[in-house]
């Protein structure tokens, strides 16, 4: 608490529009956390950071701190495949030579928005990737101002019926 008191005193003297102190709250259980997270999302927040209440401040990353975010999932149609360009002997990239590894998929959503999906694939999935015409499921963390999924990540190919 000494660090927080010092910081508040400092920024009271040295105003900074980019610094805002956020009240720390204690969540009693997971339902309490869910309600708090939903309120943050309604206010256009991305998520919350939680830690054990009895631990002192720790600088840097720690296994005692957890980022909690809500993700959504959706489906899209694969309409194209982008491959990595081959770079032989660290020379100029020959645009005609294509590597076997997929870089990203071009996905078309039901609302006709198109975006590239490159995250969430293993090295094996980048070689044995979804095909044009497949419907894939991906997760994402909200939408951009252009209505494209933020931080989209591949989950699976939808099974054909």
Protein backbone atom coordinates (compact mmCIF):
# COMPACT_ATOMS: atom_id res chain seq x y z
CA UNK A 1 0.00 0.00 0.00
CA UNK A 2 3.00 2.32 0.47
CA UNK A 3 3.66 2.27 -3.30
CA UNK A 4 0.05 3.21 -4.05
CA UNK A 5 0.05 6.04 -1.50
CA UNK A 6 3.32 7.37 -2.94
CA UNK A 7 1.99 7.21 -6.51
CA UNK A 8 -1.25 9.00 -5.59
CA UNK A 9 0.70 11.76 -3.83
CA UNK A 10 3.05 12.13 -6.82
CA UNK A 11 0.28 12.37 -9.42
CA UNK A 12 -1.71 14.76 -7.28
CA UNK A 13 1.19 17.21 -7.71
CA UNK A 14 2.15 16.21 -11.26
CA UNK A 15 -1.12 15.87 -13.17
CA UNK A 16 -1.13 13.39 -16.03
CA UNK A 17 -4.25 12.78 -18.14
CA UNK A 18 -3.04 9.25 -18.98
CA UNK A 19 -2.85 8.06 -15.37
CA UNK A 20 -5.99 7.01 -13.56
CA UNK A 21 -6.17 5.13 -10.29
CA UNK A 22 -8.59 2.26 -10.40
CA UNK A 23 -10.18 1.00 -7.23
CA UNK A 24 -9.06 -2.49 -6.37
CA UNK A 25 -11.84 -4.82 -5.35
CA UNK A 26 -11.94 -8.24 -3.78
CA UNK A 27 -13.86 -10.96 -5.56
CA UNK A 28 -15.35 -13.47 -3.16
CA UNK A 29 -15.85 -16.22 -5.74
CA UNK A 30 -15.93 -16.94 -9.48
CA UNK A 31 -19.49 -15.60 -9.86
CA UNK A 32 -18.34 -12.31 -8.30
CA UNK A 33 -15.48 -12.19 -10.84
CA UNK A 34 -17.87 -12.95 -13.74
CA UNK A 35 -20.17 -10.05 -12.78
CA UNK A 36 -17.21 -7.67 -12.46
CA UNK A 37 -15.76 -8.79 -15.81
CA UNK A 38 -19.12 -8.30 -17.55
CA UNK A 39 -19.29 -4.74 -16.19
CA UNK A 40 -15.78 -4.02 -17.46
CA UNK A 41 -16.71 -5.36 -20.92
CA UNK A 42 -19.87 -3.20 -20.98
CA UNK A 43 -17.60 -0.19 -20.36
CA UNK A 44 -15.52 -1.26 -23.42
CA UNK A 45 -12.76 -2.78 -21.27
CA UNK A 46 -10.84 -5.79 -22.48
CA UNK A 47 -10.49 -7.74 -19.25
CA UNK A 48 -9.15 -7.68 -15.71
CA UNK A 49 -5.99 -8.67 -13.90
CA UNK A 50 -6.44 -10.72 -10.74
CA UNK A 51 -4.00 -11.77 -8.04
CA UNK A 52 -4.10 -13.31 -4.62
CA UNK A 53 -5.20 -10.58 -2.25
CA UNK A 54 -2.61 -11.27 0.43
CA UNK A 55 0.39 -10.95 -1.91
CA UNK A 56 2.49 -7.80 -2.11
CA UNK A 57 3.13 -5.99 -5.39
CA UNK A 58 5.47 -7.86 -7.74
CA UNK A 59 7.31 -6.25 -10.62
CA UNK A 60 7.17 -8.01 -13.98
CA UNK A 61 5.43 -11.26 -14.88
CA UNK A 62 4.39 -13.65 -12.16
CA UNK A 63 2.56 -16.96 -11.86
CA UNK A 64 0.55 -15.29 -9.06
CA UNK A 65 -1.09 -12.85 -11.48
CA UNK A 66 -3.74 -13.86 -14.01
CA UNK A 67 -5.25 -11.91 -16.91
CA UNK A 68 -8.95 -12.73 -17.33
CA UNK A 69 -10.56 -11.93 -20.67
CA UNK A 70 -13.75 -13.09 -22.31
CA UNK A 71 -13.55 -14.52 -25.78
CA UNK A 72 -16.22 -15.26 -28.35
CA UNK A 73 -16.26 -17.84 -31.09
CA UNK A 74 -17.70 -17.78 -34.58
CA UNK A 75 -17.48 -19.55 -37.91
CA UNK A 76 -16.30 -18.46 -41.32
CA UNK A 77 -15.78 -19.85 -44.80
CA UNK A 78 -12.23 -20.39 -46.12
CA UNK A 79 -12.06 -18.55 -49.46
CA UNK A 80 -8.29 -18.36 -49.87
CA UNK A 81 -4.94 -19.52 -48.52
CA UNK A 82 -1.87 -17.33 -48.06
CA UNK A 83 1.45 -19.20 -48.06
CA UNK A 84 4.80 -18.15 -46.65
CA UNK A 85 7.26 -17.10 -49.33
CA UNK A 86 10.39 -19.25 -49.51
CA UNK A 87 13.63 -17.48 -48.63
CA UNK A 88 16.53 -19.59 -49.86
CA UNK A 89 20.01 -18.88 -48.40
CA UNK A 90 18.76 -15.58 -46.93
CA UNK A 91 18.79 -14.04 -50.42
CA UNK A 92 16.00 -11.96 -51.90
CA UNK A 93 12.64 -13.61 -51.67
CA UNK A 94 11.62 -15.14 -54.97
CA UNK A 95 7.92 -14.37 -55.18
CA UNK A 96 7.35 -17.33 -57.51
CA UNK A 97 8.60 -19.89 -55.00
CA UNK A 98 6.02 -20.82 -52.40
CA UNK A 99 6.74 -22.68 -49.18
CA UNK A 100 4.47 -25.58 -48.23
CA UNK A 101 3.54 -23.85 -44.96
CA UNK A 102 0.35 -21.84 -44.78
CA UNK A 103 0.75 -18.31 -43.38
CA UNK A 104 -2.94 -17.45 -43.01
CA UNK A 105 -6.40 -18.28 -44.28
CA UNK A 106 -8.65 -15.78 -46.01
CA UNK A 107 -11.99 -16.05 -44.20
CA UNK A 108 -15.39 -14.76 -45.32
CA UNK A 109 -17.97 -14.18 -42.61
CA UNK A 110 -21.75 -14.50 -43.02
CA UNK A 111 -21.95 -10.65 -43.11
CA UNK A 112 -19.51 -10.69 -46.10
CA UNK A 113 -16.59 -9.24 -44.10
CA UNK A 114 -13.28 -10.81 -45.15
CA UNK A 115 -10.18 -11.08 -42.96
CA UNK A 116 -6.95 -13.09 -42.72
CA UNK A 117 -6.71 -15.65 -39.92
CA UNK A 118 -3.13 -16.59 -39.07
CA UNK A 119 -3.12 -17.34 -35.33
CA UNK A 120 -3.79 -20.53 -33.44
CA UNK A 121 -2.29 -23.01 -35.91
CA UNK A 122 0.30 -25.63 -34.95
CA UNK A 123 3.21 -26.32 -37.34
CA UNK A 124 1.44 -29.50 -38.47
CA UNK A 125 -1.80 -27.58 -39.11
CA UNK A 126 0.16 -25.07 -41.20
CA UNK A 127 1.13 -27.94 -43.53
CA UNK A 128 -2.19 -29.86 -43.33
CA UNK A 129 -4.35 -26.75 -43.26
CA UNK A 130 -8.05 -26.25 -43.91
CA UNK A 131 -9.00 -26.19 -47.59
CA UNK A 132 -10.94 -23.64 -49.62
CA UNK A 133 -14.62 -24.31 -48.98
CA UNK A 134 -14.10 -25.55 -45.40
CA UNK A 135 -15.97 -23.84 -42.60
CA UNK A 136 -13.74 -23.14 -39.61
CA UNK A 137 -14.41 -22.08 -36.03
CA UNK A 138 -12.21 -19.39 -34.50
CA UNK A 139 -12.13 -17.47 -31.25
CA UNK A 140 -11.75 -13.70 -30.93
CA UNK A 141 -11.81 -10.88 -28.37
CA UNK A 142 -14.32 -8.37 -29.72
CA UNK A 143 -14.42 -6.51 -33.03
CA UNK A 144 -12.35 -3.74 -34.58
CA UNK A 145 -13.94 -0.51 -35.79
CA UNK A 146 -14.12 -2.20 -39.21
CA UNK A 147 -16.18 -5.07 -37.66
CA UNK A 148 -13.32 -7.57 -38.09
CA UNK A 149 -12.50 -10.01 -35.27
CA UNK A 150 -9.77 -8.83 -32.84
CA UNK A 151 -6.95 -11.27 -32.04
CA UNK A 152 -8.65 -14.08 -33.94
CA UNK A 153 -7.27 -17.57 -33.39
CA UNK A 154 -8.08 -20.83 -35.18
CA UNK A 155 -9.92 -23.50 -33.14
CA UNK A 156 -11.07 -26.24 -35.53
CA UNK A 157 -12.63 -27.24 -38.85
CA UNK A 158 -16.38 -27.73 -38.59
CA UNK A 159 -17.29 -31.33 -39.26
CA UNK A 160 -19.25 -31.86 -42.45
CA UNK A 161 -22.77 -33.13 -41.97
